[in-house]
Amino acid sequence: MPLLSFSQEVENIRFEQEGKMINIYYNLSGTESYDVIIYCSTGENDWGTPLQMVTGAIGAGQTAGIDKEIIWDVLTEREKLTGEVRFKIEVINALSISLRY
């Protein structure tokens, strides 16, 4: 049986506020096309649902690159943002493979 390996890595996630927006930057390595999803937490493990009011290097068809940028319109999605702000980026290989035995 052939072994299929899809390797991607997200590194160097950082962000900065610019006016009422938050710019989130990340590096993505890999050789495929990926679906990128982002979450925000203001507590220990309260990631909740994916952010919706985002543009830029997000969603389907993302490829490897340095300093990829996601722009989040915070106040359209949340009334306020307080606490220790953290972001989590989930990357899923866009090529879905179903193996059956």
N, C-alpha and C. Protein backbone atom coordinates (compact mmCIF):
# COMPACT_ATOMS: atom_id res chain seq x y z
N MET A 1 0.85 -1.17 0.00
CA MET A 1 0.00 0.00 0.00
C MET A 1 0.89 1.24 0.00
N PRO A 2 0.67 2.19 -0.88
CA PRO A 2 1.51 3.39 -0.91
C PRO A 2 1.26 4.27 0.30
N LEU A 3 2.27 4.93 0.74
CA LEU A 3 2.17 5.86 1.86
C LEU A 3 2.04 7.27 1.31
N LEU A 4 0.96 7.93 1.68
CA LEU A 4 0.74 9.31 1.24
C LEU A 4 1.11 10.24 2.38
N SER A 5 1.92 11.22 2.10
CA SER A 5 2.37 12.14 3.13
C SER A 5 2.13 13.58 2.67
N PHE A 6 1.44 14.34 3.49
CA PHE A 6 1.21 15.75 3.22
C PHE A 6 1.80 16.53 4.38
N SER A 7 2.83 17.27 4.10
CA SER A 7 3.51 18.00 5.16
C SER A 7 3.35 19.49 4.95
N GLN A 8 2.78 20.14 5.95
CA GLN A 8 2.68 21.58 5.95
C GLN A 8 3.00 22.06 7.35
N GLU A 9 3.45 23.28 7.44
CA GLU A 9 3.80 23.82 8.74
C GLU A 9 3.50 25.31 8.77
N VAL A 10 2.90 25.74 9.87
CA VAL A 10 2.63 27.16 10.09
C VAL A 10 3.59 27.62 11.18
N GLU A 11 4.29 28.72 10.90
CA GLU A 11 5.25 29.24 11.87
C GLU A 11 5.12 30.76 11.95
N ASN A 12 5.72 31.29 13.01
CA ASN A 12 5.90 32.73 13.17
C ASN A 12 4.58 33.50 13.09
N ILE A 13 3.56 33.04 13.81
CA ILE A 13 2.29 33.76 13.86
C ILE A 13 2.48 34.99 14.74
N ARG A 14 2.14 36.15 14.19
CA ARG A 14 2.25 37.39 14.93
C ARG A 14 1.15 38.34 14.44
N PHE A 15 0.85 39.35 15.23
CA PHE A 15 -0.21 40.26 14.84
C PHE A 15 0.06 41.67 15.34
N GLU A 16 -0.63 42.61 14.71
CA GLU A 16 -0.54 44.01 15.12
C GLU A 16 -1.87 44.68 14.83
N GLN A 17 -2.20 45.65 15.67
CA GLN A 17 -3.42 46.42 15.46
C GLN A 17 -3.12 47.58 14.53
N GLU A 18 -4.02 47.80 13.58
CA GLU A 18 -3.91 48.94 12.68
C GLU A 18 -5.30 49.57 12.62
N GLY A 19 -5.49 50.63 13.38
CA GLY A 19 -6.82 51.23 13.49
C GLY A 19 -7.78 50.27 14.16
N LYS A 20 -8.90 50.00 13.49
CA LYS A 20 -9.89 49.06 14.03
C LYS A 20 -9.70 47.64 13.51
N MET A 21 -8.64 47.42 12.79
CA MET A 21 -8.35 46.11 12.21
C MET A 21 -7.17 45.48 12.93
N ILE A 22 -7.10 44.15 12.86
CA ILE A 22 -5.92 43.43 13.33
C ILE A 22 -5.33 42.70 12.14
N ASN A 23 -4.06 42.93 11.90
CA ASN A 23 -3.33 42.25 10.84
C ASN A 23 -2.57 41.08 11.46
N ILE A 24 -2.83 39.88 10.95
CA ILE A 24 -2.20 38.67 11.45
C ILE A 24 -1.28 38.14 10.36
N TYR A 25 -0.04 37.87 10.72
CA TYR A 25 0.95 37.39 9.75
C TYR A 25 1.38 35.99 10.14
N TYR A 26 1.70 35.19 9.13
CA TYR A 26 2.20 33.83 9.39
C TYR A 26 3.00 33.36 8.19
N ASN A 27 3.83 32.37 8.44
CA ASN A 27 4.59 31.71 7.39
C ASN A 27 4.00 30.33 7.19
N LEU A 28 3.83 29.93 5.94
CA LEU A 28 3.27 28.62 5.61
C LEU A 28 4.23 27.89 4.69
N SER A 29 4.63 26.69 5.09
CA SER A 29 5.48 25.88 4.23
C SER A 29 4.68 24.67 3.76
N GLY A 30 5.09 24.11 2.65
CA GLY A 30 4.43 22.94 2.09
C GLY A 30 4.43 23.02 0.58
N THR A 31 3.97 21.96 -0.04
CA THR A 31 4.02 21.91 -1.50
C THR A 31 2.64 21.80 -2.14
N GLU A 32 1.61 21.81 -1.34
CA GLU A 32 0.25 21.63 -1.84
C GLU A 32 -0.52 22.95 -1.76
N SER A 33 -1.80 22.86 -2.03
CA SER A 33 -2.74 23.95 -1.84
C SER A 33 -3.54 23.62 -0.57
N TYR A 34 -3.74 24.61 0.30
CA TYR A 34 -4.33 24.34 1.60
C TYR A 34 -5.54 25.23 1.87
N ASP A 35 -6.39 24.74 2.76
CA ASP A 35 -7.48 25.54 3.31
C ASP A 35 -6.97 26.08 4.64
N VAL A 36 -7.05 27.39 4.84
CA VAL A 36 -6.55 28.02 6.06
C VAL A 36 -7.74 28.57 6.84
N ILE A 37 -7.79 28.23 8.13
CA ILE A 37 -8.85 28.66 9.03
C ILE A 37 -8.16 29.31 10.23
N ILE A 38 -8.73 30.39 10.76
CA ILE A 38 -8.12 31.07 11.90
C ILE A 38 -9.11 31.21 13.05
N TYR A 39 -8.57 31.09 14.27
CA TYR A 39 -9.34 31.20 15.50
C TYR A 39 -8.67 32.24 16.39
N CYS A 40 -9.44 32.84 17.28
CA CYS A 40 -8.91 33.79 18.26
C CYS A 40 -9.34 33.36 19.65
N SER A 41 -8.44 33.51 20.60
CA SER A 41 -8.72 33.19 21.99
C SER A 41 -8.32 34.36 22.87
N THR A 42 -9.09 34.61 23.90
CA THR A 42 -8.72 35.60 24.91
C THR A 42 -8.63 34.95 26.28
N GLY A 43 -8.51 33.64 26.29
CA GLY A 43 -8.38 32.88 27.53
C GLY A 43 -7.53 31.65 27.28
N GLU A 44 -7.58 30.72 28.18
CA GLU A 44 -6.74 29.53 28.07
C GLU A 44 -7.06 28.66 26.86
N ASN A 45 -8.28 28.16 26.77
CA ASN A 45 -8.63 27.24 25.70
C ASN A 45 -9.99 27.55 25.09
N ASP A 46 -10.32 28.80 24.97
CA ASP A 46 -11.64 29.18 24.46
C ASP A 46 -11.57 29.60 22.99
N TRP A 47 -11.14 28.68 22.13
CA TRP A 47 -10.95 29.01 20.71
C TRP A 47 -12.27 29.27 20.00
N GLY A 48 -13.33 28.64 20.40
CA GLY A 48 -14.64 28.90 19.79
C GLY A 48 -14.69 28.53 18.32
N THR A 49 -15.45 29.30 17.57
CA THR A 49 -15.64 29.04 16.14
C THR A 49 -14.63 29.85 15.33
N PRO A 50 -14.39 29.45 14.08
CA PRO A 50 -13.45 30.20 13.24
C PRO A 50 -13.91 31.64 13.03
N LEU A 51 -12.94 32.53 12.89
CA LEU A 51 -13.25 33.93 12.60
C LEU A 51 -13.87 34.03 11.21
N GLN A 52 -14.84 34.92 11.06
CA GLN A 52 -15.57 35.06 9.81
C GLN A 52 -15.26 36.35 9.06
N MET A 53 -15.02 37.43 9.77
CA MET A 53 -14.83 38.74 9.16
C MET A 53 -13.35 38.96 8.84
N VAL A 54 -12.81 38.07 8.01
CA VAL A 54 -11.40 38.09 7.66
C VAL A 54 -11.23 38.13 6.15
N THR A 55 -10.13 38.74 5.72
CA THR A 55 -9.77 38.77 4.31
C THR A 55 -8.27 38.50 4.20
N GLY A 56 -7.82 38.28 2.99
CA GLY A 56 -6.39 38.06 2.76
C GLY A 56 -6.07 36.60 2.55
N ALA A 57 -4.97 36.15 3.14
CA ALA A 57 -4.46 34.79 2.95
C ALA A 57 -5.20 33.81 3.85
N ILE A 58 -6.47 33.63 3.56
CA ILE A 58 -7.38 32.82 4.37
C ILE A 58 -8.30 32.06 3.43
N GLY A 59 -8.80 30.92 3.88
CA GLY A 59 -9.73 30.15 3.07
C GLY A 59 -9.03 29.17 2.17
N ALA A 60 -9.73 28.76 1.13
CA ALA A 60 -9.23 27.72 0.22
C ALA A 60 -8.16 28.25 -0.72
N GLY A 61 -7.31 27.33 -1.17
CA GLY A 61 -6.34 27.63 -2.21
C GLY A 61 -5.09 28.35 -1.77
N GLN A 62 -4.76 28.30 -0.49
CA GLN A 62 -3.56 28.97 0.00
C GLN A 62 -2.33 28.11 -0.26
N THR A 63 -1.26 28.75 -0.69
CA THR A 63 0.00 28.05 -0.96
C THR A 63 1.09 28.60 -0.04
N ALA A 64 2.24 27.94 -0.04
CA ALA A 64 3.34 28.31 0.84
C ALA A 64 3.78 29.74 0.61
N GLY A 65 4.27 30.37 1.66
CA GLY A 65 4.78 31.73 1.55
C GLY A 65 5.18 32.28 2.90
N ILE A 66 5.94 33.36 2.85
CA ILE A 66 6.40 34.04 4.06
C ILE A 66 5.60 35.32 4.22
N ASP A 67 5.31 35.66 5.46
CA ASP A 67 4.57 36.87 5.81
C ASP A 67 3.22 36.94 5.11
N LYS A 68 2.51 35.82 5.09
CA LYS A 68 1.15 35.82 4.56
C LYS A 68 0.30 36.63 5.54
N GLU A 69 -0.66 37.39 5.03
CA GLU A 69 -1.40 38.33 5.88
C GLU A 69 -2.89 38.06 5.85
N ILE A 70 -3.47 38.04 7.05
CA ILE A 70 -4.92 37.96 7.23
C ILE A 70 -5.33 39.25 7.93
N ILE A 71 -6.37 39.89 7.45
CA ILE A 71 -6.87 41.12 8.05
C ILE A 71 -8.22 40.81 8.69
N TRP A 72 -8.32 41.07 9.99
CA TRP A 72 -9.54 40.78 10.75
C TRP A 72 -10.23 42.08 11.12
N ASP A 73 -11.49 42.21 10.72
CA ASP A 73 -12.32 43.35 11.08
C ASP A 73 -12.97 43.02 12.43
N VAL A 74 -12.24 43.28 13.48
CA VAL A 74 -12.60 42.85 14.83
C VAL A 74 -13.98 43.32 15.26
N LEU A 75 -14.22 44.61 15.17
CA LEU A 75 -15.45 45.17 15.74
C LEU A 75 -16.70 44.83 14.95
N THR A 76 -16.55 44.32 13.75
CA THR A 76 -17.70 43.82 13.02
C THR A 76 -18.10 42.45 13.54
N GLU A 77 -17.12 41.73 14.06
CA GLU A 77 -17.37 40.37 14.53
C GLU A 77 -17.58 40.27 16.04
N ARG A 78 -16.91 41.14 16.80
CA ARG A 78 -17.03 41.13 18.26
C ARG A 78 -17.25 42.54 18.77
N GLU A 79 -17.96 42.62 19.87
CA GLU A 79 -18.23 43.92 20.48
C GLU A 79 -16.95 44.54 21.05
N LYS A 80 -16.11 43.69 21.64
CA LYS A 80 -14.84 44.15 22.18
C LYS A 80 -13.87 42.97 22.21
N LEU A 81 -12.60 43.30 22.39
CA LEU A 81 -11.56 42.28 22.44
C LEU A 81 -10.65 42.62 23.60
N THR A 82 -10.75 41.85 24.69
CA THR A 82 -9.94 42.11 25.88
C THR A 82 -9.31 40.80 26.34
N GLY A 83 -8.28 40.93 27.15
CA GLY A 83 -7.61 39.75 27.69
C GLY A 83 -6.34 39.45 26.91
N GLU A 84 -5.81 38.26 27.15
CA GLU A 84 -4.61 37.82 26.45
C GLU A 84 -5.01 37.27 25.08
N VAL A 85 -4.78 38.04 24.05
CA VAL A 85 -5.22 37.69 22.69
C VAL A 85 -4.21 36.75 22.05
N ARG A 86 -4.72 35.62 21.56
CA ARG A 86 -3.89 34.64 20.86
C ARG A 86 -4.63 34.19 19.61
N PHE A 87 -3.88 33.78 18.59
CA PHE A 87 -4.47 33.28 17.36
C PHE A 87 -3.96 31.87 17.09
N LYS A 88 -4.85 31.05 16.53
CA LYS A 88 -4.49 29.69 16.11
C LYS A 88 -4.88 29.57 14.64
N ILE A 89 -3.95 29.08 13.83
CA ILE A 89 -4.21 28.88 12.41
C ILE A 89 -4.23 27.39 12.14
N GLU A 90 -5.32 26.94 11.53
CA GLU A 90 -5.49 25.54 11.17
C GLU A 90 -5.32 25.43 9.65
N VAL A 91 -4.50 24.50 9.24
CA VAL A 91 -4.23 24.30 7.81
C VAL A 91 -4.64 22.88 7.45
N ILE A 92 -5.47 22.77 6.43
CA ILE A 92 -5.97 21.48 5.98
C ILE A 92 -5.59 21.31 4.52
N ASN A 93 -5.07 20.14 4.18
CA ASN A 93 -4.71 19.87 2.80
C ASN A 93 -5.97 19.92 1.96
N ALA A 94 -5.95 20.70 0.91
CA ALA A 94 -7.15 20.87 0.07
C ALA A 94 -7.48 19.62 -0.72
N LEU A 95 -6.54 18.71 -0.84
CA LEU A 95 -6.78 17.46 -1.55
C LEU A 95 -7.31 16.45 -0.53
N SER A 96 -8.59 16.19 -0.57
CA SER A 96 -9.19 15.25 0.37
C SER A 96 -9.05 13.84 -0.17
N ILE A 97 -8.52 12.97 0.64
CA ILE A 97 -8.34 11.58 0.23
C ILE A 97 -9.02 10.69 1.23
N SER A 98 -9.80 9.80 0.76
CA SER A 98 -10.47 8.84 1.61
C SER A 98 -9.89 7.47 1.34
N LEU A 99 -9.30 6.88 2.34
CA LEU A 99 -8.74 5.54 2.20
C LEU A 99 -9.66 4.55 2.88
N ARG A 100 -10.01 3.47 2.20
CA ARG A 100 -10.86 2.42 2.77
C ARG A 100 -10.13 1.11 2.73
N TYR A 101 -10.28 0.37 3.79
CA TYR A 101 -9.65 -0.97 3.87
C TYR A 101 -10.68 -2.03 3.76
